[in-house]
């Protein structure tokens, strides 16, 4: 997937392939830490009526608040930010990453299969100021200076179709 085996990593996994032993199903979002592809928290997207393989364009928001250590993931098919996070996990990202600095990027994988993984637009803010809607503004919540590492490489975005086990 690109971050497997990287001990100082955080990944938000958009996964459309079932790997027995590490996935809840073939249609989920997961939070992966420390180079593991076994999610510490996952969400079955079917519970929201979403199917990653449907051809629908999804918008996702990943927020991290260093004052509370809360990592949150929201997903929508309308571009409107859900009020409540659909997936959240409490984690000290400075401890996971070993630094307040981080690289942010995207990765995906398909194993022996094929799939389209398109990033149509993205925005990264290094302060905790969640974006309400695409093109909109967010609220202001003060954050500690060390938190500027924020929503980081959380985007080990891996809308994947993997045939090989992780």
Protein backbone atom coordinates (compact mmCIF):
# COMPACT_ATOMS: atom_id res chain seq x y z
CA UNK A 1 0.00 0.00 0.00
CA UNK A 2 2.99 2.28 0.34
CA UNK A 3 3.10 2.79 4.10
CA UNK A 4 3.20 -0.87 5.17
CA UNK A 5 6.25 -1.37 7.35
CA UNK A 6 6.88 2.36 7.88
CA UNK A 7 6.96 2.53 11.68
CA UNK A 8 6.34 6.29 11.86
CA UNK A 9 3.22 6.53 9.74
CA UNK A 10 -0.50 7.20 9.89
CA UNK A 11 -2.81 6.11 7.11
CA UNK A 12 -6.46 6.64 6.38
CA UNK A 13 -7.42 3.64 4.30
CA UNK A 14 -10.30 3.67 1.83
CA UNK A 15 -10.44 -0.04 1.10
CA UNK A 16 -12.60 -1.85 -1.43
CA UNK A 17 -10.93 -5.25 -1.26
CA UNK A 18 -11.38 -7.81 1.53
CA UNK A 19 -8.16 -9.20 2.96
CA UNK A 20 -9.14 -11.88 5.46
CA UNK A 21 -7.60 -11.43 8.84
CA UNK A 22 -7.07 -7.68 8.54
CA UNK A 23 -10.25 -6.17 7.06
CA UNK A 24 -13.82 -5.91 8.29
CA UNK A 25 -15.13 -6.17 4.70
CA UNK A 26 -14.50 -5.01 1.12
CA UNK A 27 -16.06 -1.57 1.65
CA UNK A 28 -14.57 0.27 4.60
CA UNK A 29 -12.48 3.15 5.89
CA UNK A 30 -9.77 2.39 8.42
CA UNK A 31 -7.18 4.19 10.51
CA UNK A 32 -3.78 2.51 10.28
CA UNK A 33 -0.83 3.35 12.55
CA UNK A 34 2.85 2.51 12.70
CA UNK A 35 3.18 0.82 9.33
CA UNK A 36 0.52 -1.74 10.08
CA UNK A 37 -2.22 -2.43 7.56
CA UNK A 38 -4.42 -3.76 10.36
CA UNK A 39 -6.69 -0.84 11.20
CA UNK A 40 -6.95 0.32 14.82
CA UNK A 41 -10.45 1.59 13.98
CA UNK A 42 -12.70 0.95 10.96
CA UNK A 43 -16.05 1.91 9.55
CA UNK A 44 -18.22 -0.25 7.30
CA UNK A 45 -19.27 2.25 4.62
CA UNK A 46 -22.36 0.16 3.87
CA UNK A 47 -23.81 1.42 7.17
CA UNK A 48 -23.85 4.88 5.55
CA UNK A 49 -25.28 3.57 2.28
CA UNK A 50 -21.95 4.07 0.48
CA UNK A 51 -20.12 1.68 -1.84
CA UNK A 52 -16.57 2.63 -2.82
CA UNK A 53 -16.81 0.70 -6.12
CA UNK A 54 -20.02 2.50 -7.14
CA UNK A 55 -18.41 5.20 -9.30
CA UNK A 56 -19.66 7.85 -6.86
CA UNK A 57 -17.36 10.78 -6.11
CA UNK A 58 -16.76 10.97 -2.36
CA UNK A 59 -15.44 13.84 -0.29
CA UNK A 60 -13.50 13.05 2.85
CA UNK A 61 -12.33 15.21 5.72
CA UNK A 62 -9.56 14.09 8.06
CA UNK A 63 -9.09 16.23 11.16
CA UNK A 64 -6.65 15.90 14.03
CA UNK A 65 -6.87 17.96 17.20
CA UNK A 66 -3.59 17.83 19.11
CA UNK A 67 -5.17 19.33 22.24
CA UNK A 68 -7.48 16.31 22.57
CA UNK A 69 -5.48 13.81 20.43
CA UNK A 70 -8.67 13.09 18.51
CA UNK A 71 -8.31 11.91 14.91
CA UNK A 72 -11.59 12.12 12.98
CA UNK A 73 -12.71 10.96 9.54
CA UNK A 74 -15.83 12.12 7.74
CA UNK A 75 -17.05 11.04 4.31
CA UNK A 76 -19.86 12.34 2.13
CA UNK A 77 -21.22 11.77 -1.35
CA UNK A 78 -22.64 15.33 -1.50
CA UNK A 79 -19.57 17.44 -0.66
CA UNK A 80 -21.27 18.65 2.52
CA UNK A 81 -19.27 17.95 5.67
CA UNK A 82 -21.13 15.72 8.14
CA UNK A 83 -21.53 17.38 11.53
CA UNK A 84 -20.38 14.30 13.45
CA UNK A 85 -17.33 12.26 12.59
CA UNK A 86 -18.20 8.80 11.27
CA UNK A 87 -14.88 7.34 12.42
CA UNK A 88 -12.70 8.59 15.24
CA UNK A 89 -9.76 7.40 17.27
CA UNK A 90 -7.80 8.96 20.13
CA UNK A 91 -4.07 8.85 19.40
CA UNK A 92 -1.02 11.00 20.17
CA UNK A 93 0.34 11.50 16.66
CA UNK A 94 3.57 13.06 17.93
CA UNK A 95 4.31 9.76 19.68
CA UNK A 96 3.35 7.69 16.62
CA UNK A 97 5.39 9.84 14.24
CA UNK A 98 8.24 10.63 16.61
CA UNK A 99 8.16 14.29 15.55
CA UNK A 100 5.95 17.31 15.03
CA UNK A 101 7.02 17.34 11.36
CA UNK A 102 5.56 14.98 8.80
CA UNK A 103 5.30 14.26 5.11
CA UNK A 104 1.78 14.28 3.72
CA UNK A 105 0.76 12.37 0.64
CA UNK A 106 -1.30 9.70 -1.02
CA UNK A 107 -0.75 6.09 -1.90
CA UNK A 108 -2.88 3.32 -3.31
CA UNK A 109 -2.57 -0.26 -4.34
CA UNK A 110 -4.44 -2.91 -6.26
CA UNK A 111 -2.35 -6.03 -5.92
CA UNK A 112 -2.96 -7.98 -9.13
CA UNK A 113 -6.31 -6.25 -9.76
CA UNK A 114 -7.02 -2.90 -11.36
CA UNK A 115 -8.95 0.14 -10.16
CA UNK A 116 -9.07 3.91 -10.57
CA UNK A 117 -7.95 5.95 -7.55
CA UNK A 118 -8.48 9.59 -8.40
CA UNK A 119 -7.77 12.57 -6.15
CA UNK A 120 -9.86 15.34 -7.70
CA UNK A 121 -8.81 18.03 -5.23
CA UNK A 122 -7.25 18.24 -1.81
CA UNK A 123 -6.32 20.79 0.79
CA UNK A 124 -3.99 20.56 3.77
CA UNK A 125 -4.06 22.93 6.74
CA UNK A 126 -1.36 22.74 9.38
CA UNK A 127 -3.57 24.28 12.04
CA UNK A 128 -6.76 22.82 13.44
CA UNK A 129 -9.42 24.66 11.48
CA UNK A 130 -11.83 22.09 10.03
CA UNK A 131 -13.22 22.83 6.58
CA UNK A 132 -17.03 22.77 6.63
CA UNK A 133 -17.69 22.44 2.92
CA UNK A 134 -15.61 22.47 -0.22
CA UNK A 135 -14.73 26.11 -0.71
CA UNK A 136 -16.14 26.94 2.74
CA UNK A 137 -14.54 27.96 5.99
CA UNK A 138 -14.32 26.15 9.27
CA UNK A 139 -14.53 26.96 12.92
CA UNK A 140 -11.56 28.10 14.91
CA UNK A 141 -10.27 25.90 17.67
CA UNK A 142 -6.94 26.84 19.20
CA UNK A 143 -4.27 24.20 19.05
CA UNK A 144 -0.94 23.69 20.72
CA UNK A 145 2.04 24.70 18.63
CA UNK A 146 3.35 21.16 18.50
CA UNK A 147 0.16 20.17 16.82
CA UNK A 148 0.84 21.87 13.59
CA UNK A 149 1.60 18.39 12.31
CA UNK A 150 -2.10 17.79 12.10
CA UNK A 151 -4.14 15.78 9.75
CA UNK A 152 -0.91 14.80 8.34
CA UNK A 153 -0.08 11.93 6.25
CA UNK A 154 -3.28 10.63 7.52
CA UNK A 155 -3.98 10.43 4.00
CA UNK A 156 -2.25 7.23 3.33
CA UNK A 157 -5.27 7.28 1.14
CA UNK A 158 -5.43 3.84 -0.22
CA UNK A 159 -8.62 3.20 -2.01
CA UNK A 160 -7.42 -0.21 -2.77
CA UNK A 161 -8.24 -3.35 -4.49
CA UNK A 162 -5.64 -5.73 -3.21
CA UNK A 163 -5.59 -9.35 -4.16
CA UNK A 164 -2.63 -10.28 -2.04
CA UNK A 165 -2.97 -10.47 1.72
CA UNK A 166 -1.36 -7.64 3.60
